[in-house]
Structures are given as C-alpha cells and as structure tokens.
C-alpha cells in the first residue's frame, strides 16, 4: 500500500481526497494546506505547505488547480516523489501513458494511445479521445471533450464544458 500526503485542501483538494479514498492501494497519511481546514473526510491536516520537508519519506499528490503553482511545487518536491490518483470510476485505455502526479477524476475516459505528462488534471467526466497529448501541468476542467489527436501544451487550462476539435494544438496565449 502506497502512503501519500495530499497537498491542498481547497475544492480540488477535497475532490482528490475523496477519489483517493476510493482507491484501496493508497493510504492517505494526511494533507498539507495553508488554510484553516483541519479535517476532510476524516483525513487530518499535518501542517502548512512549507512543511513538505518534514515528510520527505512519503509520496505526495499536489491537489492544487493552479497550473503554475502546481508546476513550481512539483519542481521543488521532485517528480519521482509524486503519485497519480485515479478515481475508481475512471477508464484509462491499456495503451495510454499516464505521467506522475496526475489526477484522473470520476467518470473520465482516456482512450487508446493518449499520453498525459506529469501533474496533469483530468477533472470529472472529461473525455480524452485516442492519440491525444496533454503536456506537463495542463488541466482539463470538468466535462471537457478532446477530439482525437489533440495536443494540449504545458500549463494550459481548458475551461469546463469546452469541446476541442480533432487535431487542434492548444497553446498558452
């Protein structure tokens, strides 16, 4: 069983903790956050985000929606210390590749030969069709549909409900 500490206790952090609890291969040790929340679904706050150094023997999942902040924390922690969390109702094709530190939300679908970099967020009900690429620290809000062959560049955020047509390349503006 993999022991993990969640970083972040905002809305996305609560969703990630709930998803992690649906995975029998994970043991959540607690969470780190700079806010006032002390307990989420029975999981207790261990300290502030700056306290990461005290917990280096554990794996981490950065449950923060802000792509640039997530990228910065990932660089600080080191990608080898990150763990991907997949909700039990998500579907991931056997021939897709998922990087470290990703979150795959409830009801999401990742189809054949798609590739996710590190620290990618695929929120609730999003569909990634075949042969898509989501680069590091990109973020799909809920119910996003990516047509086949789409490329989402590093740190790009796609808003909820958006439909991206086939073979588009979406870059930061």
C-alpha atoms as a PDB file:
ATOM      1  CA  UNK A   1       0.000   0.000   0.000  1.00  0.00           C
ATOM      2  CA  UNK A   2       1.372   3.368  -1.076  1.00  0.00           C
ATOM      3  CA  UNK A   3       1.429   6.082   1.610  1.00  0.00           C
ATOM      4  CA  UNK A   4       0.635   9.542   0.274  1.00  0.00           C
ATOM      5  CA  UNK A   5       0.250  13.090   1.566  1.00  0.00           C
ATOM      6  CA  UNK A   6      -2.135  15.377  -0.301  1.00  0.00           C
ATOM      7  CA  UNK A   7      -1.039  18.984  -0.817  1.00  0.00           C
ATOM      8  CA  UNK A   8      -4.038  21.311  -0.967  1.00  0.00           C
ATOM      9  CA  UNK A   9      -7.399  21.415   0.785  1.00  0.00           C
ATOM     10  CA  UNK A  10      -9.447  23.706  -1.426  1.00  0.00           C
ATOM     11  CA  UNK A  11     -12.265  22.459  -3.650  1.00  0.00           C
ATOM     12  CA  UNK A  12      -9.937  20.423  -5.860  1.00  0.00           C
ATOM     13  CA  UNK A  13      -8.114  19.048  -2.817  1.00  0.00           C
ATOM     14  CA  UNK A  14     -11.370  17.780  -1.305  1.00  0.00           C
ATOM     15  CA  UNK A  15     -12.291  16.078  -4.596  1.00  0.00           C
ATOM     16  CA  UNK A  16      -8.855  14.437  -4.811  1.00  0.00           C
ATOM     17  CA  UNK A  17      -9.024  13.186  -1.216  1.00  0.00           C
ATOM     18  CA  UNK A  18     -12.438  11.673  -1.916  1.00  0.00           C
ATOM     19  CA  UNK A  19     -11.087   9.965  -5.057  1.00  0.00           C
ATOM     20  CA  UNK A  20      -8.005   8.697  -3.211  1.00  0.00           C
ATOM     21  CA  UNK A  21     -10.253   7.150  -0.584  1.00  0.00           C
ATOM     22  CA  UNK A  22     -11.886   5.130  -3.389  1.00  0.00           C
ATOM     23  CA  UNK A  23      -8.501   3.517  -4.176  1.00  0.00           C
ATOM     24  CA  UNK A  24      -7.625   0.568  -1.938  1.00  0.00           C
ATOM     25  CA  UNK A  25      -3.942   0.790  -2.986  1.00  0.00           C
ATOM     26  CA  UNK A  26      -3.460   4.164  -1.252  1.00  0.00           C
ATOM     27  CA  UNK A  27      -3.157   5.151   2.374  1.00  0.00           C
ATOM     28  CA  UNK A  28      -3.604   8.890   2.906  1.00  0.00           C
ATOM     29  CA  UNK A  29      -1.369   9.978   5.776  1.00  0.00           C
ATOM     30  CA  UNK A  30      -2.879  13.481   5.872  1.00  0.00           C
ATOM     31  CA  UNK A  31      -2.813  16.760   3.975  1.00  0.00           C
ATOM     32  CA  UNK A  32      -0.816  19.992   3.915  1.00  0.00           C
ATOM     33  CA  UNK A  33      -2.534  23.331   3.359  1.00  0.00           C
ATOM     34  CA  UNK A  34      -2.119  26.976   4.326  1.00  0.00           C
ATOM     35  CA  UNK A  35      -5.840  27.483   5.021  1.00  0.00           C
ATOM     36  CA  UNK A  36      -7.977  26.931   8.094  1.00  0.00           C
ATOM     37  CA  UNK A  37      -9.393  23.495   7.199  1.00  0.00           C
ATOM     38  CA  UNK A  38      -8.303  20.874   9.733  1.00  0.00           C
ATOM     39  CA  UNK A  39     -10.132  17.695   8.622  1.00  0.00           C
ATOM     40  CA  UNK A  40     -11.523  16.454   5.280  1.00  0.00           C
ATOM     41  CA  UNK A  41     -13.483  13.191   5.194  1.00  0.00           C
ATOM     42  CA  UNK A  42     -11.634  12.006   8.285  1.00  0.00           C
ATOM     43  CA  UNK A  43      -8.193  12.941   6.885  1.00  0.00           C
ATOM     44  CA  UNK A  44      -6.315  15.383   9.122  1.00  0.00           C
ATOM     45  CA  UNK A  45      -4.158  18.380   8.351  1.00  0.00           C
ATOM     46  CA  UNK A  46      -0.475  17.744   9.085  1.00  0.00           C
ATOM     47  CA  UNK A  47       0.728  21.295   8.617  1.00  0.00           C
ATOM     48  CA  UNK A  48       1.305  24.031   6.075  1.00  0.00           C
ATOM     49  CA  UNK A  49       2.621  23.574   2.539  1.00  0.00           C
ATOM     50  CA  UNK A  50       6.058  24.780   3.660  1.00  0.00           C
ATOM     51  CA  UNK A  51       6.212  21.717   5.951  1.00  0.00           C
ATOM     52  CA  UNK A  52       6.830  19.417   2.939  1.00  0.00           C
ATOM     53  CA  UNK A  53      10.447  18.912   4.026  1.00  0.00           C
ATOM     54  CA  UNK A  54       9.278  17.166   7.235  1.00  0.00           C
ATOM     55  CA  UNK A  55       7.526  14.465   5.205  1.00  0.00           C
ATOM     56  CA  UNK A  56      10.091  13.596   2.505  1.00  0.00           C
ATOM     57  CA  UNK A  57       9.827   9.844   3.267  1.00  0.00           C
ATOM     58  CA  UNK A  58       6.284   9.827   1.832  1.00  0.00           C
ATOM     59  CA  UNK A  59       4.891  10.251  -1.658  1.00  0.00           C
ATOM     60  CA  UNK A  60       2.866  13.365  -2.498  1.00  0.00           C
ATOM     61  CA  UNK A  61      -0.018  14.374  -4.680  1.00  0.00           C
ATOM     62  CA  UNK A  62      -0.385  18.092  -5.445  1.00  0.00           C
ATOM     63  CA  UNK A  63      -4.135  18.751  -5.373  1.00  0.00           C
ATOM     64  CA  UNK A  64      -3.968  22.394  -6.411  1.00  0.00           C
ATOM     65  CA  UNK A  65      -5.731  23.577  -9.550  1.00  0.00           C
ATOM     66  CA  UNK A  66      -3.407  26.498 -10.296  1.00  0.00           C
ATOM     67  CA  UNK A  67      -1.123  25.098 -13.005  1.00  0.00           C
ATOM     68  CA  UNK A  68       1.854  27.369 -12.349  1.00  0.00           C
ATOM     69  CA  UNK A  69       1.797  26.797  -8.584  1.00  0.00           C
ATOM     70  CA  UNK A  70       1.437  23.034  -9.125  1.00  0.00           C
ATOM     71  CA  UNK A  71       4.407  23.137 -11.509  1.00  0.00           C
ATOM     72  CA  UNK A  72       6.524  25.071  -9.013  1.00  0.00           C
ATOM     73  CA  UNK A  73       5.728  22.647  -6.180  1.00  0.00           C
ATOM     74  CA  UNK A  74       6.432  19.693  -8.446  1.00  0.00           C
ATOM     75  CA  UNK A  75       9.872  21.072  -9.272  1.00  0.00           C
ATOM     76  CA  UNK A  76      10.532  21.654  -5.570  1.00  0.00           C
ATOM     77  CA  UNK A  77       9.412  18.176  -4.474  1.00  0.00           C
ATOM     78  CA  UNK A  78      10.759  16.267  -7.456  1.00  0.00           C
ATOM     79  CA  UNK A  79       8.547  14.348  -9.869  1.00  0.00           C
ATOM     80  CA  UNK A  80       9.845  10.996  -8.562  1.00  0.00           C
ATOM     81  CA  UNK A  81       8.086  11.718  -5.242  1.00  0.00           C
ATOM     82  CA  UNK A  82       4.689  12.288  -6.863  1.00  0.00           C
ATOM     83  CA  UNK A  83       1.868   9.782  -7.144  1.00  0.00           C
ATOM     84  CA  UNK A  84      -1.030   9.713  -9.594  1.00  0.00           C
ATOM     85  CA  UNK A  85      -4.557   9.398  -8.206  1.00  0.00           C
ATOM     86  CA  UNK A  86      -7.269   7.826 -10.332  1.00  0.00           C
ATOM     87  CA  UNK A  87     -10.915   7.735  -9.245  1.00  0.00           C
ATOM     88  CA  UNK A  88     -12.290   4.200  -9.205  1.00  0.00           C
ATOM     89  CA  UNK A  89     -14.877   5.070 -11.898  1.00  0.00           C
ATOM     90  CA  UNK A  90     -12.396   6.473 -14.440  1.00  0.00           C
ATOM     91  CA  UNK A  91     -11.450   4.487 -17.543  1.00  0.00           C
ATOM     92  CA  UNK A  92      -7.893   4.531 -18.891  1.00  0.00           C
ATOM     93  CA  UNK A  93      -7.030   2.556 -22.019  1.00  0.00           C
ATOM     94  CA  UNK A  94      -4.320  -0.051 -21.540  1.00  0.00           C
ATOM     95  CA  UNK A  95      -2.171   1.511 -24.237  1.00  0.00           C
ATOM     96  CA  UNK A  96      -2.301   5.062 -22.906  1.00  0.00           C
ATOM     97  CA  UNK A  97       0.524   6.570 -20.857  1.00  0.00           C
ATOM     98  CA  UNK A  98      -0.058   8.498 -17.634  1.00  0.00           C
ATOM     99  CA  UNK A  99       2.719  10.550 -16.022  1.00  0.00           C
ATOM    100  CA  UNK A 100       3.456  11.041 -12.340  1.00  0.00           C
ATOM    101  CA  UNK A 101       1.349  13.264 -10.098  1.00  0.00           C
ATOM    102  CA  UNK A 102      -1.717  13.227 -12.365  1.00  0.00           C
ATOM    103  CA  UNK A 103      -5.316  13.300 -11.202  1.00  0.00           C
ATOM    104  CA  UNK A 104      -7.957  11.428 -13.219  1.00  0.00           C
ATOM    105  CA  UNK A 105     -11.455  12.265 -11.958  1.00  0.00           C
ATOM    106  CA  UNK A 106     -14.689  10.339 -11.626  1.00  0.00           C
ATOM    107  CA  UNK A 107     -16.255   9.225 -14.890  1.00  0.00           C
ATOM    108  CA  UNK A 108     -13.338  10.386 -17.018  1.00  0.00           C
ATOM    109  CA  UNK A 109     -12.294   8.453 -20.105  1.00  0.00           C
ATOM    110  CA  UNK A 110      -8.796   8.331 -21.582  1.00  0.00           C
ATOM    111  CA  UNK A 111      -8.812   6.423 -24.854  1.00  0.00           C
ATOM    112  CA  UNK A 112      -6.203   4.498 -26.833  1.00  0.00           C
ATOM    113  CA  UNK A 113      -2.647   5.794 -27.263  1.00  0.00           C
ATOM    114  CA  UNK A 114      -3.248   9.053 -25.416  1.00  0.00           C
ATOM    115  CA  UNK A 115      -0.392  10.396 -23.348  1.00  0.00           C
ATOM    116  CA  UNK A 116      -0.502  12.549 -20.218  1.00  0.00           C
ATOM    117  CA  UNK A 117       2.648  14.243 -18.945  1.00  0.00           C
ATOM    118  CA  UNK A 118       3.317  14.848 -15.249  1.00  0.00           C
ATOM    119  CA  UNK A 119       0.916  16.718 -12.941  1.00  0.00           C
ATOM    120  CA  UNK A 120      -1.965  16.744 -15.409  1.00  0.00           C
ATOM    121  CA  UNK A 121      -5.508  17.208 -14.092  1.00  0.00           C
ATOM    122  CA  UNK A 122      -8.380  15.500 -15.894  1.00  0.00           C
ATOM    123  CA  UNK A 123     -11.486  16.508 -13.980  1.00  0.00           C
ATOM    124  CA  UNK A 124     -14.856  14.820 -13.598  1.00  0.00           C
ATOM    125  CA  UNK A 125     -16.434  13.437 -16.737  1.00  0.00           C
ATOM    126  CA  UNK A 126     -13.823  14.656 -19.194  1.00  0.00           C
ATOM    127  CA  UNK A 127     -13.206  12.597 -22.330  1.00  0.00           C
ATOM    128  CA  UNK A 128      -9.827  12.347 -23.999  1.00  0.00           C
ATOM    129  CA  UNK A 129     -10.154  10.593 -27.329  1.00  0.00           C
ATOM    130  CA  UNK A 130      -7.444   8.475 -28.959  1.00  0.00           C
ATOM    131  CA  UNK A 131      -3.970   9.798 -29.733  1.00  0.00           C
ATOM    132  CA  UNK A 132      -4.194  12.964 -27.626  1.00  0.00           C
ATOM    133  CA  UNK A 133      -1.266  14.508 -25.763  1.00  0.00           C
ATOM    134  CA  UNK A 134      -1.588  16.576 -22.593  1.00  0.00           C
ATOM    135  CA  UNK A 135       1.740  18.090 -21.643  1.00  0.00           C
ATOM    136  CA  UNK A 136       3.003  18.633 -18.080  1.00  0.00           C
ATOM    137  CA  UNK A 137       0.825  20.607 -15.665  1.00  0.00           C
ATOM    138  CA  UNK A 138      -2.057  21.029 -18.101  1.00  0.00           C
ATOM    139  CA  UNK A 139      -5.575  20.995 -16.674  1.00  0.00           C
ATOM    140  CA  UNK A 140      -8.938  19.942 -18.076  1.00  0.00           C
ATOM    141  CA  UNK A 141     -11.860  21.242 -16.071  1.00  0.00           C
ATOM    142  CA  UNK A 142     -14.941  19.038 -15.814  1.00  0.00           C
ATOM    143  CA  UNK A 143     -16.818  17.700 -18.854  1.00  0.00           C
ATOM    144  CA  UNK A 144     -14.161  18.693 -21.396  1.00  0.00           C
ATOM    145  CA  UNK A 145     -14.116  16.754 -24.671  1.00  0.00           C
ATOM    146  CA  UNK A 146     -10.858  16.453 -26.610  1.00  0.00           C
ATOM    147  CA  UNK A 147     -11.172  15.217 -30.179  1.00  0.00           C
ATOM    148  CA  UNK A 148      -8.667  12.645 -31.405  1.00  0.00           C
ATOM    149  CA  UNK A 149      -5.105  13.801 -31.966  1.00  0.00           C
ATOM    150  CA  UNK A 150      -5.462  16.969 -29.893  1.00  0.00           C
ATOM    151  CA  UNK A 151      -2.376  18.398 -28.189  1.00  0.00           C
ATOM    152  CA  UNK A 152      -2.692  20.486 -25.020  1.00  0.00           C
ATOM    153  CA  UNK A 153       0.572  22.278 -24.338  1.00  0.00           C
ATOM    154  CA  UNK A 154       2.293  22.648 -20.953  1.00  0.00           C
ATOM    155  CA  UNK A 155       0.363  24.518 -18.195  1.00  0.00           C
ATOM    156  CA  UNK A 156      -2.682  25.196 -20.409  1.00  0.00           C
ATOM    157  CA  UNK A 157      -6.076  25.282 -18.674  1.00  0.00           C
ATOM    158  CA  UNK A 158      -9.208  24.216 -20.583  1.00  0.00           C
ATOM    159  CA  UNK A 159     -12.464  25.556 -19.102  1.00  0.00           C
ATOM    160  CA  UNK A 160     -15.415  23.344 -18.190  1.00  0.00           C
ATOM    161  CA  UNK A 161     -17.610  22.083 -20.988  1.00  0.00           C
ATOM    162  CA  UNK A 162     -15.241  23.031 -23.794  1.00  0.00           C
ATOM    163  CA  UNK A 163     -15.110  20.878 -26.902  1.00  0.00           C
ATOM    164  CA  UNK A 164     -11.766  20.844 -28.672  1.00  0.00           C
ATOM    165  CA  UNK A 165     -11.956  19.620 -32.263  1.00  0.00           C
ATOM    166  CA  UNK A 166      -9.720  16.910 -33.643  1.00  0.00           C
ATOM    167  CA  UNK A 167      -6.018  17.519 -34.076  1.00  0.00           C
ATOM    168  CA  UNK A 168      -6.037  21.000 -32.557  1.00  0.00           C
ATOM    169  CA  UNK A 169      -2.956  22.288 -30.761  1.00  0.00           C
ATOM    170  CA  UNK A 170      -3.860  24.440 -27.781  1.00  0.00           C
ATOM    171  CA  UNK A 171      -1.044  26.652 -26.514  1.00  0.00           C
ATOM    172  CA  UNK A 172      -0.679  29.200 -23.763  1.00  0.00           C
ATOM    173  CA  UNK A 173      -1.528  32.705 -25.017  1.00  0.00           C
END
